[in-house]
PDB file of N, CA and C in Angstrom:
ATOM      1  N   MET A   1      35.311  -8.300 -32.238  1.00  0.00           N
ATOM      2  CA  MET A   1      34.892  -9.392 -31.388  1.00  0.00           C
ATOM      3  C   MET A   1      35.094  -8.983 -29.926  1.00  0.00           C
ATOM      4  N   THR A   2      34.107  -9.306 -29.104  1.00  0.00           N
ATOM      5  CA  THR A   2      34.215  -8.950 -27.689  1.00  0.00           C
ATOM      6  C   THR A   2      34.809 -10.111 -26.913  1.00  0.00           C
ATOM      7  N   SER A   3      35.466  -9.768 -25.839  1.00  0.00           N
ATOM      8  CA  SER A   3      36.101 -10.803 -25.028  1.00  0.00           C
ATOM      9  C   SER A   3      35.058 -11.497 -24.148  1.00  0.00           C
ATOM     10  N   HIS A   4      35.463 -12.600 -23.605  1.00  0.00           N
ATOM     11  CA  HIS A   4      34.597 -13.362 -22.700  1.00  0.00           C
ATOM     12  C   HIS A   4      34.202 -12.513 -21.497  1.00  0.00           C
ATOM     13  N   VAL A   5      35.108 -11.751 -20.973  1.00  0.00           N
ATOM     14  CA  VAL A   5      34.840 -10.896 -19.814  1.00  0.00           C
ATOM     15  C   VAL A   5      33.795  -9.838 -20.175  1.00  0.00           C
ATOM     16  N   ASP A   6      33.950  -9.235 -21.354  1.00  0.00           N
ATOM     17  CA  ASP A   6      32.974  -8.238 -21.798  1.00  0.00           C
ATOM     18  C   ASP A   6      31.580  -8.853 -21.943  1.00  0.00           C
ATOM     19  N   GLN A   7      31.537 -10.074 -22.449  1.00  0.00           N
ATOM     20  CA  GLN A   7      30.252 -10.757 -22.585  1.00  0.00           C
ATOM     21  C   GLN A   7      29.627 -11.036 -21.219  1.00  0.00           C
ATOM     22  N   GLN A   8      30.438 -11.443 -20.268  1.00  0.00           N
ATOM     23  CA  GLN A   8      29.946 -11.713 -18.914  1.00  0.00           C
ATOM     24  C   GLN A   8      29.428 -10.431 -18.262  1.00  0.00           C
ATOM     25  N   VAL A   9      30.149  -9.349 -18.425  1.00  0.00           N
ATOM     26  CA  VAL A   9      29.728  -8.064 -17.863  1.00  0.00           C
ATOM     27  C   VAL A   9      28.423  -7.620 -18.501  1.00  0.00           C
ATOM     28  N   ALA A  10      28.322  -7.759 -19.809  1.00  0.00           N
ATOM     29  CA  ALA A  10      27.102  -7.382 -20.513  1.00  0.00           C
ATOM     30  C   ALA A  10      25.919  -8.238 -20.032  1.00  0.00           C
ATOM     31  N   ALA A  11      26.160  -9.528 -19.808  1.00  0.00           N
ATOM     32  CA  ALA A  11      25.099 -10.419 -19.320  1.00  0.00           C
ATOM     33  C   ALA A  11      24.648  -9.994 -17.929  1.00  0.00           C
ATOM     34  N   ARG A  12      25.593  -9.637 -17.061  1.00  0.00           N
ATOM     35  CA  ARG A  12      25.232  -9.187 -15.704  1.00  0.00           C
ATOM     36  C   ARG A  12      24.431  -7.886 -15.742  1.00  0.00           C
ATOM     37  N   ILE A  13      24.837  -6.981 -16.612  1.00  0.00           N
ATOM     38  CA  ILE A  13      24.119  -5.707 -16.737  1.00  0.00           C
ATOM     39  C   ILE A  13      22.701  -5.961 -17.232  1.00  0.00           C
ATOM     40  N   ALA A  14      22.547  -6.826 -18.221  1.00  0.00           N
ATOM     41  CA  ALA A  14      21.219  -7.148 -18.746  1.00  0.00           C
ATOM     42  C   ALA A  14      20.352  -7.792 -17.666  1.00  0.00           C
ATOM     43  N   ALA A  15      20.932  -8.697 -16.881  1.00  0.00           N
ATOM     44  CA  ALA A  15      20.179  -9.351 -15.806  1.00  0.00           C
ATOM     45  C   ALA A  15      19.745  -8.332 -14.754  1.00  0.00           C
ATOM     46  N   ALA A  16      20.633  -7.401 -14.424  1.00  0.00           N
ATOM     47  CA  ALA A  16      20.297  -6.371 -13.436  1.00  0.00           C
ATOM     48  C   ALA A  16      19.167  -5.488 -13.950  1.00  0.00           C
ATOM     49  N   ARG A  17      19.188  -5.170 -15.232  1.00  0.00           N
ATOM     50  CA  ARG A  17      18.105  -4.349 -15.810  1.00  0.00           C
ATOM     51  C   ARG A  17      16.777  -5.093 -15.789  1.00  0.00           C
ATOM     52  N   ARG A  18      16.814  -6.389 -16.124  1.00  0.00           N
ATOM     53  CA  ARG A  18      15.585  -7.188 -16.081  1.00  0.00           C
ATOM     54  C   ARG A  18      15.039  -7.253 -14.658  1.00  0.00           C
ATOM     55  N   LYS A  19      15.930  -7.440 -13.692  1.00  0.00           N
ATOM     56  CA  LYS A  19      15.512  -7.517 -12.291  1.00  0.00           C
ATOM     57  C   LYS A  19      14.903  -6.191 -11.838  1.00  0.00           C
ATOM     58  N   ALA A  20      15.529  -5.093 -12.189  1.00  0.00           N
ATOM     59  CA  ALA A  20      15.009  -3.780 -11.804  1.00  0.00           C
ATOM     60  C   ALA A  20      13.645  -3.529 -12.432  1.00  0.00           C
ATOM     61  N   ALA A  21      13.485  -3.925 -13.690  1.00  0.00           N
ATOM     62  CA  ALA A  21      12.193  -3.739 -14.361  1.00  0.00           C
ATOM     63  C   ALA A  21      11.115  -4.599 -13.705  1.00  0.00           C
ATOM     64  N   ALA A  22      11.456  -5.821 -13.327  1.00  0.00           N
ATOM     65  CA  ALA A  22      10.491  -6.703 -12.668  1.00  0.00           C
ATOM     66  C   ALA A  22      10.097  -6.138 -11.304  1.00  0.00           C
ATOM     67  N   GLU A  23      11.067  -5.616 -10.567  1.00  0.00           N
ATOM     68  CA  GLU A  23      10.772  -5.028  -9.256  1.00  0.00           C
ATOM     69  C   GLU A  23       9.891  -3.789  -9.400  1.00  0.00           C
ATOM     70  N   LYS A  24      10.161  -2.983 -10.413  1.00  0.00           N
ATOM     71  CA  LYS A  24       9.352  -1.791 -10.645  1.00  0.00           C
ATOM     72  C   LYS A  24       7.919  -2.181 -10.991  1.00  0.00           C
ATOM     73  N   ARG A  25       7.776  -3.187 -11.842  1.00  0.00           N
ATOM     74  CA  ARG A  25       6.445  -3.665 -12.229  1.00  0.00           C
ATOM     75  C   ARG A  25       5.699  -4.194 -11.000  1.00  0.00           C
ATOM     76  N   ARG A  26       6.391  -4.933 -10.139  1.00  0.00           N
ATOM     77  CA  ARG A  26       5.769  -5.473  -8.917  1.00  0.00           C
ATOM     78  C   ARG A  26       5.330  -4.342  -8.000  1.00  0.00           C
ATOM     79  N   ARG A  27       6.174  -3.324  -7.830  1.00  0.00           N
ATOM     80  CA  ARG A  27       5.794  -2.179  -6.991  1.00  0.00           C
ATOM     81  C   ARG A  27       4.564  -1.480  -7.543  1.00  0.00           C
ATOM     82  N   GLN A  28       4.491  -1.343  -8.869  1.00  0.00           N
ATOM     83  CA  GLN A  28       3.322  -0.704  -9.486  1.00  0.00           C
ATOM     84  C   GLN A  28       2.060  -1.533  -9.258  1.00  0.00           C
ATOM     85  N   GLU A  29       2.183  -2.858  -9.385  1.00  0.00           N
ATOM     86  CA  GLU A  29       1.030  -3.726  -9.164  1.00  0.00           C
ATOM     87  C   GLU A  29       0.566  -3.651  -7.711  1.00  0.00           C
ATOM     88  N   LEU A  30       1.503  -3.655  -6.779  1.00  0.00           N
ATOM     89  CA  LEU A  30       1.145  -3.561  -5.362  1.00  0.00           C
ATOM     90  C   LEU A  30       0.506  -2.219  -5.050  1.00  0.00           C
ATOM     91  N   ALA A  31       1.007  -1.151  -5.643  1.00  0.00           N
ATOM     92  CA  ALA A  31       0.439   0.178  -5.416  1.00  0.00           C
ATOM     93  C   ALA A  31      -0.987   0.245  -5.946  1.00  0.00           C
ATOM     94  N   ALA A  32      -1.227  -0.356  -7.107  1.00  0.00           N
ATOM     95  CA  ALA A  32      -2.583  -0.360  -7.675  1.00  0.00           C
ATOM     96  C   ALA A  32      -3.526  -1.159  -6.780  1.00  0.00           C
ATOM     97  N   ALA A  33      -3.075  -2.302  -6.289  1.00  0.00           N
ATOM     98  CA  ALA A  33      -3.903  -3.108  -5.394  1.00  0.00           C
ATOM     99  C   ALA A  33      -4.176  -2.361  -4.089  1.00  0.00           C
ATOM    100  N   ARG A  34      -3.169  -1.670  -3.594  1.00  0.00           N
ATOM    101  CA  ARG A  34      -3.330  -0.897  -2.351  1.00  0.00           C
ATOM    102  C   ARG A  34      -4.356   0.217  -2.552  1.00  0.00           C
ATOM    103  N   ARG A  35      -4.260   0.932  -3.679  1.00  0.00           N
ATOM    104  CA  ARG A  35      -5.230   1.998  -3.962  1.00  0.00           C
ATOM    105  C   ARG A  35      -6.643   1.439  -4.068  1.00  0.00           C
ATOM    106  N   ALA A  36      -6.798   0.304  -4.729  1.00  0.00           N
ATOM    107  CA  ALA A  36      -8.119  -0.312  -4.870  1.00  0.00           C
ATOM    108  C   ALA A  36      -8.657  -0.733  -3.510  1.00  0.00           C
ATOM    109  N   GLY A  37      -7.809  -1.285  -2.673  1.00  0.00           N
ATOM    110  CA  GLY A  37      -8.226  -1.705  -1.336  1.00  0.00           C
ATOM    111  C   GLY A  37      -8.643  -0.528  -0.480  1.00  0.00           C
ATOM    112  N   VAL A  38      -7.892   0.546  -0.561  1.00  0.00           N
ATOM    113  CA  VAL A  38      -8.229   1.749   0.211  1.00  0.00           C
ATOM    114  C   VAL A  38      -9.568   2.300  -0.261  1.00  0.00           C
ATOM    115  N   ALA A  39      -9.787   2.319  -1.565  1.00  0.00           N
ATOM    116  CA  ALA A  39     -11.058   2.823  -2.104  1.00  0.00           C
ATOM    117  C   ALA A  39     -12.224   1.954  -1.633  1.00  0.00           C
ATOM    118  N   ARG A  40     -12.044   0.625  -1.648  1.00  0.00           N
ATOM    119  CA  ARG A  40     -13.106  -0.274  -1.178  1.00  0.00           C
ATOM    120  C   ARG A  40     -13.401  -0.064   0.299  1.00  0.00           C
ATOM    121  N   ARG A  41     -12.351   0.052   1.104  1.00  0.00           N
ATOM    122  CA  ARG A  41     -12.557   0.263   2.549  1.00  0.00           C
ATOM    123  C   ARG A  41     -13.243   1.593   2.809  1.00  0.00           C
ATOM    124  N   HIS A  42     -12.876   2.619   2.064  1.00  0.00           N
ATOM    125  CA  HIS A  42     -13.496   3.934   2.241  1.00  0.00           C
ATOM    126  C   HIS A  42     -14.984   3.872   1.864  1.00  0.00           C
ATOM    127  N   ALA A  43     -15.287   3.202   0.763  1.00  0.00           N
ATOM    128  CA  ALA A  43     -16.687   3.068   0.343  1.00  0.00           C
ATOM    129  C   ALA A  43     -17.484   2.299   1.392  1.00  0.00           C
ATOM    130  N   ALA A  44     -16.905   1.250   1.942  1.00  0.00           N
ATOM    131  CA  ALA A  44     -17.594   0.477   2.978  1.00  0.00           C
ATOM    132  C   ALA A  44     -17.818   1.335   4.222  1.00  0.00           C
ATOM    133  N   LYS A  45     -16.828   2.124   4.585  1.00  0.00           N
ATOM    134  CA  LYS A  45     -16.963   3.000   5.750  1.00  0.00           C
ATOM    135  C   LYS A  45     -18.106   3.991   5.533  1.00  0.00           C
ATOM    136  N   LEU A  46     -18.165   4.573   4.338  1.00  0.00           N
ATOM    137  CA  LEU A  46     -19.235   5.531   4.055  1.00  0.00           C
ATOM    138  C   LEU A  46     -20.601   4.849   4.092  1.00  0.00           C
ATOM    139  N   ARG A  47     -20.678   3.608   3.573  1.00  0.00           N
ATOM    140  CA  ARG A  47     -21.941   2.870   3.637  1.00  0.00           C
ATOM    141  C   ARG A  47     -22.355   2.639   5.083  1.00  0.00           C
ATOM    142  N   HIS A  48     -21.402   2.227   5.905  1.00  0.00           N
ATOM    143  CA  HIS A  48     -21.714   1.970   7.320  1.00  0.00           C
ATOM    144  C   HIS A  48     -22.133   3.250   8.030  1.00  0.00           C
ATOM    145  N   LEU A  49     -21.476   4.342   7.727  1.00  0.00           N
ATOM    146  CA  LEU A  49     -21.857   5.614   8.348  1.00  0.00           C
ATOM    147  C   LEU A  49     -23.253   6.031   7.911  1.00  0.00           C
ATOM    148  N   ALA A  50     -23.576   5.826   6.632  1.00  0.00           N
ATOM    149  CA  ALA A  50     -24.903   6.177   6.131  1.00  0.00           C
ATOM    150  C   ALA A  50     -25.966   5.304   6.787  1.00  0.00           C
ATOM    151  N   GLU A  51     -25.660   4.022   6.964  1.00  0.00           N
ATOM    152  CA  GLU A  51     -26.607   3.117   7.625  1.00  0.00           C
ATOM    153  C   GLU A  51     -26.802   3.506   9.078  1.00  0.00           C
ATOM    154  N   ALA A  52     -25.756   3.949   9.735  1.00  0.00           N
ATOM    155  CA  ALA A  52     -25.836   4.324  11.141  1.00  0.00           C
ATOM    156  C   ALA A  52     -26.680   5.581  11.315  1.00  0.00           C
ATOM    157  N   ASP A  53     -26.716   6.439  10.314  1.00  0.00           N
ATOM    158  CA  ASP A  53     -27.499   7.673  10.393  1.00  0.00           C
ATOM    159  C   ASP A  53     -28.973   7.437  10.119  1.00  0.00           C
ATOM    160  N   GLN A  54     -29.319   6.325   9.495  1.00  0.00           N
ATOM    161  CA  GLN A  54     -30.716   6.037   9.161  1.00  0.00           C
ATOM    162  C   GLN A  54     -31.445   5.545  10.416  1.00  0.00           C
ATOM    163  N   PRO A  55     -32.577   6.137  10.757  1.00  0.00           N
ATOM    164  CA  PRO A  55     -33.326   5.643  11.920  1.00  0.00           C
ATOM    165  C   PRO A  55     -33.968   4.291  11.598  1.00  0.00           C
ATOM    166  N   THR A  56     -33.946   3.404  12.557  1.00  0.00           N
ATOM    167  CA  THR A  56     -34.574   2.095  12.385  1.00  0.00           C
ATOM    168  C   THR A  56     -35.981   2.139  12.947  1.00  0.00           C
ATOM    169  N   THR A  57     -36.729   1.083  12.766  1.00  0.00           N
ATOM    170  CA  THR A  57     -38.105   1.060  13.279  1.00  0.00           C
ATOM    171  C   THR A  57     -38.109   1.094  14.797  1.00  0.00           C
ATOM    172  N   ALA A  58     -37.085   0.584  15.459  1.00  0.00           N
ATOM    173  CA  ALA A  58     -37.010   0.606  16.913  1.00  0.00           C
ATOM    174  C   ALA A  58     -36.769   2.022  17.424  1.00  0.00           C
ATOM    175  N   ASP A  59     -36.177   2.903  16.607  1.00  0.00           N
ATOM    176  CA  ASP A  59     -35.872   4.267  17.029  1.00  0.00           C
ATOM    177  C   ASP A  59     -37.085   5.181  16.943  1.00  0.00           C
ATOM    178  N   ARG A  60     -38.103   4.772  16.263  1.00  0.00           N
ATOM    179  CA  ARG A  60     -39.270   5.638  16.063  1.00  0.00           C
ATOM    180  C   ARG A  60     -40.227   5.583  17.195  1.00  0.00           C
TER     181      ARG A  60
END
């Protein structure tokens, strides 16, 4: 049988592990969103650059 103190320590350790796992999951989600945002901005930049290179009817 474990003592009350041992149970409390085990509960704190379990809570700390859950918190660390949640923080890790949040960091991964934020990193994925950041990568997606960077990819979207890069694609938009390339589209704008391609449009800027195309001559318009006023340029002819």
